[in-house]
Amino acid sequence: MACKPINVLITGANRGLGLEMVKQILTTLRPVSKVFACCRNPDGEKAQELQELAAKNDIIKIIRMDAADPKSIKEAAAQVGSHLGQHGLNLIINNAAVAHLSTFSATTPEEMQDCYRTNAVGPTCIIQEFLPYLRTAAKDSGMPGMSIRKAAVVNISTLVSSIGIAKDTYIMFPCLPYRASKAALNMIVVCAAVELQKDEILCTLLHPGWVRTDMGGPDGEIDAQESVQSMLKVMSSMTEKHNGELLDYKGKNLPW
């Protein structure tokens, strides 16, 4: 049976991993109906490459969304809904994030608040606001079980969110506000996974690897292209067995 075209939404889509996801999803997850590429400032200089990509492909719809602003998220959901019509949203990739590289001693309240707003509160609001569209997709899919082609939220987390191995990773990458906010994201997603399993909506977490991006820095182990290629392969193989799990870009379970 031929696969139905899916609708995909990506946050932080103007650069780094988000932009690479937009590029690769067009070919990797075919058939695709629409890719909603969300970013804080679609008209800014940092979104120029995304604008050029969208100009060449009408599947891509650029949506203004500030993941740190609940009002902006609500407005983005309304805009996406107007494009979807009666169709649901099959896949959300919560990729937008900020990182402050402060040690415990140097971290400020403002840095903690900034990371929590974008990395933890933002994804929570996004899942809540787009939930009706995910439910529509799940009901209309006609597919058993859970998958990204049915209805799913994949949240980009990180190895350094793991409390279990924090003693080993802290010296290499202190970044307390980022670590704490991503650990909070992990808990949020596990709770969402339990609550939304009745709707057959998959909620999971992915560590993209140490990637050479603006956030990961020039010393990363892999580039964005390799990371996204591997993550999309893992996403495509996800089932209900992966609901509420934290995996790396190779599909390996990571400790909490």
C-alpha atoms as a PDB file:
ATOM      1  CA  MET A   1       0.000   0.000   0.000  1.00  0.00           C
ATOM      2  CA  ALA A   2       1.361   3.417  -0.961  1.00  0.00           C
ATOM      3  CA  CYS A   3       2.234   5.786   1.883  1.00  0.00           C
ATOM      4  CA  LYS A   4       0.115   8.885   2.368  1.00  0.00           C
ATOM      5  CA  PRO A   5       1.932  12.223   2.000  1.00  0.00           C
ATOM      6  CA  ILE A   6       2.813  13.619   5.415  1.00  0.00           C
ATOM      7  CA  ASN A   7       2.952  17.109   6.905  1.00  0.00           C
ATOM      8  CA  VAL A   8       6.050  17.965   8.926  1.00  0.00           C
ATOM      9  CA  LEU A   9       6.895  20.917  11.188  1.00  0.00           C
ATOM     10  CA  ILE A  10      10.449  21.820  12.263  1.00  0.00           C
ATOM     11  CA  THR A  11      11.413  24.518  14.762  1.00  0.00           C
ATOM     12  CA  GLY A  12      14.701  26.399  14.539  1.00  0.00           C
ATOM     13  CA  ALA A  13      14.684  25.671  10.809  1.00  0.00           C
ATOM     14  CA  ASN A  14      16.746  28.610   9.573  1.00  0.00           C
ATOM     15  CA  ARG A  15      20.224  27.233  10.304  1.00  0.00           C
ATOM     16  CA  GLY A  16      22.274  24.314  11.589  1.00  0.00           C
ATOM     17  CA  LEU A  17      20.454  21.041  12.176  1.00  0.00           C
ATOM     18  CA  GLY A  18      17.030  22.565  11.518  1.00  0.00           C
ATOM     19  CA  LEU A  19      17.947  23.832   8.060  1.00  0.00           C
ATOM     20  CA  GLU A  20      19.620  20.532   7.192  1.00  0.00           C
ATOM     21  CA  MET A  21      16.464  18.696   8.265  1.00  0.00           C
ATOM     22  CA  VAL A  22      14.371  20.797   5.890  1.00  0.00           C
ATOM     23  CA  LYS A  23      16.748  19.922   3.047  1.00  0.00           C
ATOM     24  CA  GLN A  24      16.877  16.186   3.716  1.00  0.00           C
ATOM     25  CA  ILE A  25      13.239  15.596   4.634  1.00  0.00           C
ATOM     26  CA  LEU A  26      12.170  16.648   1.138  1.00  0.00           C
ATOM     27  CA  THR A  27      13.836  13.524  -0.248  1.00  0.00           C
ATOM     28  CA  THR A  28      14.148  11.141   2.715  1.00  0.00           C
ATOM     29  CA  LEU A  29      10.540  11.094   3.992  1.00  0.00           C
ATOM     30  CA  ARG A  30       8.757  11.099   0.633  1.00  0.00           C
ATOM     31  CA  PRO A  31       5.951  11.499  -0.054  1.00  0.00           C
ATOM     32  CA  VAL A  32       5.781  14.821   1.785  1.00  0.00           C
ATOM     33  CA  SER A  33       2.856  17.198   1.456  1.00  0.00           C
ATOM     34  CA  LYS A  34       4.183  20.230   3.370  1.00  0.00           C
ATOM     35  CA  VAL A  35       7.207  21.116   5.457  1.00  0.00           C
ATOM     36  CA  PHE A  36       6.507  23.959   7.885  1.00  0.00           C
ATOM     37  CA  ALA A  37       9.902  25.547   8.554  1.00  0.00           C
ATOM     38  CA  CYS A  38       9.618  27.647  11.709  1.00  0.00           C
ATOM     39  CA  CYS A  39      12.075  30.264  12.897  1.00  0.00           C
ATOM     40  CA  ARG A  40      12.079  33.409  15.013  1.00  0.00           C
ATOM     41  CA  ASN A  41      12.914  35.891  12.254  1.00  0.00           C
ATOM     42  CA  PRO A  42      12.092  34.604   8.752  1.00  0.00           C
ATOM     43  CA  ASP A  43      13.078  37.909   7.168  1.00  0.00           C
ATOM     44  CA  GLY A  44      16.446  38.161   8.903  1.00  0.00           C
ATOM     45  CA  GLU A  45      19.900  37.565   7.469  1.00  0.00           C
ATOM     46  CA  LYS A  46      20.204  34.192   9.255  1.00  0.00           C
ATOM     47  CA  ALA A  47      17.140  32.907   7.389  1.00  0.00           C
ATOM     48  CA  GLN A  48      18.350  33.845   3.908  1.00  0.00           C
ATOM     49  CA  GLU A  49      19.339  30.295   2.912  1.00  0.00           C
ATOM     50  CA  LEU A  50      15.979  28.984   4.106  1.00  0.00           C
ATOM     51  CA  GLN A  51      14.181  31.659   2.080  1.00  0.00           C
ATOM     52  CA  GLU A  52      16.143  30.691  -1.025  1.00  0.00           C
ATOM     53  CA  LEU A  53      15.306  27.015  -0.467  1.00  0.00           C
ATOM     54  CA  ALA A  54      11.597  27.786  -0.041  1.00  0.00           C
ATOM     55  CA  ALA A  55      11.583  29.906  -3.198  1.00  0.00           C
ATOM     56  CA  LYS A  56      12.628  26.811  -5.166  1.00  0.00           C
ATOM     57  CA  ASN A  57      10.205  24.395  -3.516  1.00  0.00           C
ATOM     58  CA  ASP A  58       6.560  25.169  -2.815  1.00  0.00           C
ATOM     59  CA  ILE A  59       6.300  22.273  -0.353  1.00  0.00           C
ATOM     60  CA  ILE A  60       8.184  24.452   2.164  1.00  0.00           C
ATOM     61  CA  LYS A  61       6.101  26.973   4.116  1.00  0.00           C
ATOM     62  CA  ILE A  62       8.107  29.349   6.309  1.00  0.00           C
ATOM     63  CA  ILE A  63       6.339  30.158   9.576  1.00  0.00           C
ATOM     64  CA  ARG A  64       7.331  32.820  12.096  1.00  0.00           C
ATOM     65  CA  MET A  65       7.661  31.238  15.535  1.00  0.00           C
ATOM     66  CA  ASP A  66       9.658  32.248  18.591  1.00  0.00           C
ATOM     67  CA  ALA A  67       9.921  29.083  20.693  1.00  0.00           C
ATOM     68  CA  ALA A  68      10.491  31.248  23.795  1.00  0.00           C
ATOM     69  CA  ASP A  69       7.179  33.107  23.375  1.00  0.00           C
ATOM     70  CA  PRO A  70       3.883  31.256  24.029  1.00  0.00           C
ATOM     71  CA  LYS A  71       1.916  33.926  22.132  1.00  0.00           C
ATOM     72  CA  SER A  72       4.129  33.463  19.061  1.00  0.00           C
ATOM     73  CA  ILE A  73       3.624  29.680  19.271  1.00  0.00           C
ATOM     74  CA  LYS A  74      -0.148  30.101  19.424  1.00  0.00           C
ATOM     75  CA  GLU A  75      -0.088  32.401  16.381  1.00  0.00           C
ATOM     76  CA  ALA A  76       2.119  29.951  14.485  1.00  0.00           C
ATOM     77  CA  ALA A  77      -0.296  27.110  15.253  1.00  0.00           C
ATOM     78  CA  ALA A  78      -3.184  29.115  13.830  1.00  0.00           C
ATOM     79  CA  GLN A  79      -1.192  29.873  10.684  1.00  0.00           C
ATOM     80  CA  VAL A  80      -0.178  26.236  10.195  1.00  0.00           C
ATOM     81  CA  GLY A  81      -3.789  25.201  10.756  1.00  0.00           C
ATOM     82  CA  SER A  82      -4.919  27.468   7.934  1.00  0.00           C
ATOM     83  CA  HIS A  83      -2.558  25.630   5.558  1.00  0.00           C
ATOM     84  CA  LEU A  84      -3.518  22.173   6.811  1.00  0.00           C
ATOM     85  CA  GLY A  85      -7.252  22.585   6.292  1.00  0.00           C
ATOM     86  CA  GLN A  86      -8.838  19.204   7.132  1.00  0.00           C
ATOM     87  CA  HIS A  87      -5.486  17.429   7.163  1.00  0.00           C
ATOM     88  CA  GLY A  88      -3.486  16.700  10.284  1.00  0.00           C
ATOM     89  CA  LEU A  89       0.127  17.314  11.227  1.00  0.00           C
ATOM     90  CA  ASN A  90       2.078  14.064  11.228  1.00  0.00           C
ATOM     91  CA  LEU A  91       5.464  15.034  12.602  1.00  0.00           C
ATOM     92  CA  ILE A  92       6.818  17.821  14.803  1.00  0.00           C
ATOM     93  CA  ILE A  93      10.572  18.083  15.297  1.00  0.00           C
ATOM     94  CA  ASN A  94      11.276  20.322  18.289  1.00  0.00           C
ATOM     95  CA  ASN A  95      14.759  21.427  17.326  1.00  0.00           C
ATOM     96  CA  ALA A  96      14.962  25.110  18.385  1.00  0.00           C
ATOM     97  CA  ALA A  97      17.248  25.611  21.383  1.00  0.00           C
ATOM     98  CA  VAL A  98      19.613  28.029  23.070  1.00  0.00           C
ATOM     99  CA  ALA A  99      22.747  27.238  25.039  1.00  0.00           C
ATOM    100  CA  HIS A 100      24.687  29.207  27.634  1.00  0.00           C
ATOM    101  CA  LEU A 101      28.062  27.649  28.309  1.00  0.00           C
ATOM    102  CA  SER A 102      28.306  28.774  31.932  1.00  0.00           C
ATOM    103  CA  THR A 103      29.715  26.711  34.768  1.00  0.00           C
ATOM    104  CA  PHE A 104      27.668  26.222  37.936  1.00  0.00           C
ATOM    105  CA  SER A 105      29.563  29.022  39.717  1.00  0.00           C
ATOM    106  CA  ALA A 106      29.201  31.495  36.858  1.00  0.00           C
ATOM    107  CA  THR A 107      25.602  30.802  35.828  1.00  0.00           C
ATOM    108  CA  THR A 108      23.163  33.713  36.203  1.00  0.00           C
ATOM    109  CA  PRO A 109      19.408  33.537  36.837  1.00  0.00           C
ATOM    110  CA  GLU A 110      18.870  35.198  33.449  1.00  0.00           C
ATOM    111  CA  GLU A 111      20.793  32.418  31.661  1.00  0.00           C
ATOM    112  CA  MET A 112      18.781  29.749  33.463  1.00  0.00           C
ATOM    113  CA  GLN A 113      15.504  31.466  32.585  1.00  0.00           C
ATOM    114  CA  ASP A 114      16.524  31.937  28.948  1.00  0.00           C
ATOM    115  CA  CYS A 115      17.365  28.256  28.487  1.00  0.00           C
ATOM    116  CA  TYR A 116      14.243  27.042  30.278  1.00  0.00           C
ATOM    117  CA  ARG A 117      11.972  29.338  28.236  1.00  0.00           C
ATOM    118  CA  THR A 118      13.268  28.050  24.902  1.00  0.00           C
ATOM    119  CA  ASN A 119      14.382  24.493  25.685  1.00  0.00           C
ATOM    120  CA  ALA A 120      11.692  23.314  28.115  1.00  0.00           C
ATOM    121  CA  VAL A 121       8.687  25.653  28.241  1.00  0.00           C
ATOM    122  CA  GLY A 122       8.760  26.197  24.464  1.00  0.00           C
ATOM    123  CA  PRO A 123       8.439  22.522  23.454  1.00  0.00           C
ATOM    124  CA  THR A 124       5.711  22.075  26.074  1.00  0.00           C
ATOM    125  CA  CYS A 125       3.671  24.907  24.546  1.00  0.00           C
ATOM    126  CA  ILE A 126       4.335  23.660  21.018  1.00  0.00           C
ATOM    127  CA  ILE A 127       3.056  20.160  21.770  1.00  0.00           C
ATOM    128  CA  GLN A 128      -0.001  21.613  23.512  1.00  0.00           C
ATOM    129  CA  GLU A 129      -0.876  24.078  20.741  1.00  0.00           C
ATOM    130  CA  PHE A 130      -0.389  21.617  17.876  1.00  0.00           C
ATOM    131  CA  LEU A 131      -2.010  18.664  19.651  1.00  0.00           C
ATOM    132  CA  PRO A 132      -5.364  18.965  17.807  1.00  0.00           C
ATOM    133  CA  TYR A 133      -3.535  18.623  14.467  1.00  0.00           C
ATOM    134  CA  LEU A 134      -1.546  15.616  15.729  1.00  0.00           C
ATOM    135  CA  ARG A 135      -4.777  13.955  16.898  1.00  0.00           C
ATOM    136  CA  THR A 136      -6.345  14.551  13.489  1.00  0.00           C
ATOM    137  CA  ALA A 137      -3.343  12.950  11.784  1.00  0.00           C
ATOM    138  CA  ALA A 138      -3.434   9.930  14.092  1.00  0.00           C
ATOM    139  CA  LYS A 139      -7.147   9.349  13.468  1.00  0.00           C
ATOM    140  CA  ASP A 140      -6.906   9.815   9.705  1.00  0.00           C
ATOM    141  CA  SER A 141      -3.794   7.721   9.115  1.00  0.00           C
ATOM    142  CA  GLY A 142      -5.473   4.317   9.043  1.00  0.00           C
ATOM    143  CA  MET A 143      -2.177   2.887  10.310  1.00  0.00           C
ATOM    144  CA  PRO A 144      -1.754   0.637  13.370  1.00  0.00           C
ATOM    145  CA  GLY A 145       0.695   1.394  16.167  1.00  0.00           C
ATOM    146  CA  MET A 146       2.865   4.504  16.342  1.00  0.00           C
ATOM    147  CA  SER A 147       5.231   6.050  13.804  1.00  0.00           C
ATOM    148  CA  ILE A 148       6.414   9.378  12.435  1.00  0.00           C
ATOM    149  CA  ARG A 149       4.224   8.860   9.365  1.00  0.00           C
ATOM    150  CA  LYS A 150       1.182   8.661  11.652  1.00  0.00           C
ATOM    151  CA  ALA A 151       1.577  11.247  14.435  1.00  0.00           C
ATOM    152  CA  ALA A 152       4.769  11.987  16.355  1.00  0.00           C
ATOM    153  CA  VAL A 153       6.786  14.591  18.223  1.00  0.00           C
ATOM    154  CA  VAL A 154      10.545  14.113  18.089  1.00  0.00           C
ATOM    155  CA  ASN A 155      12.370  16.380  20.512  1.00  0.00           C
ATOM    156  CA  ILE A 156      16.053  17.123  20.034  1.00  0.00           C
ATOM    157  CA  SER A 157      17.740  16.552  23.387  1.00  0.00           C
ATOM    158  CA  THR A 158      21.395  15.911  24.203  1.00  0.00           C
ATOM    159  CA  LEU A 159      23.806  13.484  25.786  1.00  0.00           C
ATOM    160  CA  VAL A 160      24.617  16.123  28.398  1.00  0.00           C
ATOM    161  CA  SER A 161      21.019  16.065  29.635  1.00  0.00           C
ATOM    162  CA  SER A 162      21.774  12.671  31.164  1.00  0.00           C
ATOM    163  CA  ILE A 163      22.112  12.827  34.950  1.00  0.00           C
ATOM    164  CA  GLY A 164      23.488   9.282  34.938  1.00  0.00           C
ATOM    165  CA  ILE A 165      26.679  10.272  33.134  1.00  0.00           C
ATOM    166  CA  ALA A 166      26.878  13.948  34.146  1.00  0.00           C
ATOM    167  CA  LYS A 167      29.934  13.386  36.351  1.00  0.00           C
ATOM    168  CA  ASP A 168      31.807  12.125  33.294  1.00  0.00           C
ATOM    169  CA  THR A 169      30.659  14.799  30.843  1.00  0.00           C
ATOM    170  CA  TYR A 170      30.536  17.955  32.955  1.00  0.00           C
ATOM    171  CA  ILE A 171      34.234  18.880  32.740  1.00  0.00           C
ATOM    172  CA  MET A 172      34.192  18.605  28.962  1.00  0.00           C
ATOM    173  CA  PHE A 173      30.976  20.600  28.511  1.00  0.00           C
ATOM    174  CA  PRO A 174      29.846  22.474  31.666  1.00  0.00           C
ATOM    175  CA  CYS A 175      26.919  24.562  30.305  1.00  0.00           C
ATOM    176  CA  LEU A 176      24.723  24.215  33.396  1.00  0.00           C
ATOM    177  CA  PRO A 177      21.672  26.156  32.078  1.00  0.00           C
ATOM    178  CA  TYR A 178      21.588  24.084  28.878  1.00  0.00           C
ATOM    179  CA  ARG A 179      22.046  20.778  30.727  1.00  0.00           C
ATOM    180  CA  ALA A 180      19.340  21.528  33.286  1.00  0.00           C
ATOM    181  CA  SER A 181      16.817  22.767  30.722  1.00  0.00           C
ATOM    182  CA  LYS A 182      17.332  19.701  28.518  1.00  0.00           C
ATOM    183  CA  ALA A 183      16.986  17.388  31.539  1.00  0.00           C
ATOM    184  CA  ALA A 184      13.674  19.169  32.174  1.00  0.00           C
ATOM    185  CA  LEU A 185      12.711  18.596  28.521  1.00  0.00           C
ATOM    186  CA  ASN A 186      13.368  14.875  28.982  1.00  0.00           C
ATOM    187  CA  MET A 187      10.910  14.703  31.876  1.00  0.00           C
ATOM    188  CA  ILE A 188       8.317  16.756  29.992  1.00  0.00           C
ATOM    189  CA  VAL A 189       8.475  14.454  26.975  1.00  0.00           C
ATOM    190  CA  VAL A 190       8.246  11.259  29.035  1.00  0.00           C
ATOM    191  CA  CYS A 191       5.122  12.627  30.751  1.00  0.00           C
ATOM    192  CA  ALA A 192       3.655  13.676  27.378  1.00  0.00           C
ATOM    193  CA  ALA A 193       4.428  10.220  25.984  1.00  0.00           C
ATOM    194  CA  VAL A 194       2.452   8.533  28.762  1.00  0.00           C
ATOM    195  CA  GLU A 195      -0.484  10.920  28.433  1.00  0.00           C
ATOM    196  CA  LEU A 196      -0.696  10.890  24.635  1.00  0.00           C
ATOM    197  CA  GLN A 197      -0.224   7.177  24.040  1.00  0.00           C
ATOM    198  CA  LYS A 198      -4.030   6.776  24.175  1.00  0.00           C
ATOM    199  CA  ASP A 199      -4.130   8.980  21.057  1.00  0.00           C
ATOM    200  CA  GLU A 200      -1.369   6.863  19.457  1.00  0.00           C
ATOM    201  CA  ILE A 201       0.901   9.910  19.247  1.00  0.00           C
ATOM    202  CA  LEU A 202       4.575   9.000  19.539  1.00  0.00           C
ATOM    203  CA  CYS A 203       6.682  11.294  21.763  1.00  0.00           C
ATOM    204  CA  THR A 204      10.401  10.706  21.921  1.00  0.00           C
ATOM    205  CA  LEU A 205      13.841  12.299  22.340  1.00  0.00           C
ATOM    206  CA  LEU A 206      16.927  12.246  20.125  1.00  0.00           C
ATOM    207  CA  HIS A 207      20.553  13.201  20.779  1.00  0.00           C
ATOM    208  CA  PRO A 208      22.003  14.451  17.460  1.00  0.00           C
ATOM    209  CA  GLY A 209      25.641  13.790  18.382  1.00  0.00           C
ATOM    210  CA  TRP A 210      28.321  16.390  18.896  1.00  0.00           C
ATOM    211  CA  VAL A 211      27.760  18.342  15.701  1.00  0.00           C
ATOM    212  CA  ARG A 212      29.819  21.081  14.068  1.00  0.00           C
ATOM    213  CA  THR A 213      27.210  23.870  14.192  1.00  0.00           C
ATOM    214  CA  ASP A 214      27.010  27.336  15.754  1.00  0.00           C
ATOM    215  CA  MET A 215      25.905  25.672  18.986  1.00  0.00           C
ATOM    216  CA  GLY A 216      28.194  22.623  18.887  1.00  0.00           C
ATOM    217  CA  GLY A 217      31.267  24.586  17.858  1.00  0.00           C
ATOM    218  CA  PRO A 218      34.011  23.792  15.319  1.00  0.00           C
ATOM    219  CA  ASP A 219      35.392  20.784  17.220  1.00  0.00           C
ATOM    220  CA  GLY A 220      32.291  18.598  16.858  1.00  0.00           C
ATOM    221  CA  GLU A 221      32.711  14.957  15.889  1.00  0.00           C
ATOM    222  CA  ILE A 222      30.289  15.004  12.924  1.00  0.00           C
ATOM    223  CA  ASP A 223      28.776  17.553  10.551  1.00  0.00           C
ATOM    224  CA  ALA A 224      25.104  18.487  10.302  1.00  0.00           C
ATOM    225  CA  GLN A 225      24.572  16.445   7.151  1.00  0.00           C
ATOM    226  CA  GLU A 226      25.728  13.188   8.772  1.00  0.00           C
ATOM    227  CA  SER A 227      23.802  13.874  11.972  1.00  0.00           C
ATOM    228  CA  VAL A 228      20.515  14.592  10.205  1.00  0.00           C
ATOM    229  CA  GLN A 229      20.916  11.676   7.804  1.00  0.00           C
ATOM    230  CA  SER A 230      21.364   9.321  10.762  1.00  0.00           C
ATOM    231  CA  MET A 231      18.570  10.885  12.829  1.00  0.00           C
ATOM    232  CA  LEU A 232      16.051  10.628   9.979  1.00  0.00           C
ATOM    233  CA  LYS A 233      16.964   6.973   9.572  1.00  0.00           C
ATOM    234  CA  VAL A 234      16.333   6.405  13.289  1.00  0.00           C
ATOM    235  CA  MET A 235      13.084   8.400  13.172  1.00  0.00           C
ATOM    236  CA  SER A 236      11.808   6.344  10.242  1.00  0.00           C
ATOM    237  CA  SER A 237      12.297   3.128  12.222  1.00  0.00           C
ATOM    238  CA  MET A 238      10.523   4.361  15.370  1.00  0.00           C
ATOM    239  CA  THR A 239       7.511   2.481  16.704  1.00  0.00           C
ATOM    240  CA  GLU A 240       5.545   2.428  19.963  1.00  0.00           C
ATOM    241  CA  LYS A 241       8.591   0.684  21.498  1.00  0.00           C
ATOM    242  CA  HIS A 242      10.410   4.030  21.337  1.00  0.00           C
ATOM    243  CA  ASN A 243       7.658   6.058  23.009  1.00  0.00           C
ATOM    244  CA  GLY A 244       9.157   8.133  25.825  1.00  0.00           C
ATOM    245  CA  GLU A 245      12.723   6.975  25.078  1.00  0.00           C
ATOM    246  CA  LEU A 246      15.990   8.952  24.794  1.00  0.00           C
ATOM    247  CA  LEU A 247      18.018   7.705  21.831  1.00  0.00           C
ATOM    248  CA  ASP A 248      21.171   8.885  20.135  1.00  0.00           C
ATOM    249  CA  TYR A 249      21.505   9.513  16.405  1.00  0.00           C
ATOM    250  CA  LYS A 250      22.525   5.881  15.875  1.00  0.00           C
ATOM    251  CA  GLY A 251      19.424   4.545  17.636  1.00  0.00           C
ATOM    252  CA  LYS A 252      21.138   3.603  20.897  1.00  0.00           C
ATOM    253  CA  ASN A 253      19.276   4.151  24.186  1.00  0.00           C
ATOM    254  CA  LEU A 254      20.921   6.696  26.488  1.00  0.00           C
ATOM    255  CA  PRO A 255      20.747   6.686  30.292  1.00  0.00           C
ATOM    256  CA  TRP A 256      18.511   9.197  32.040  1.00  0.00           C
END
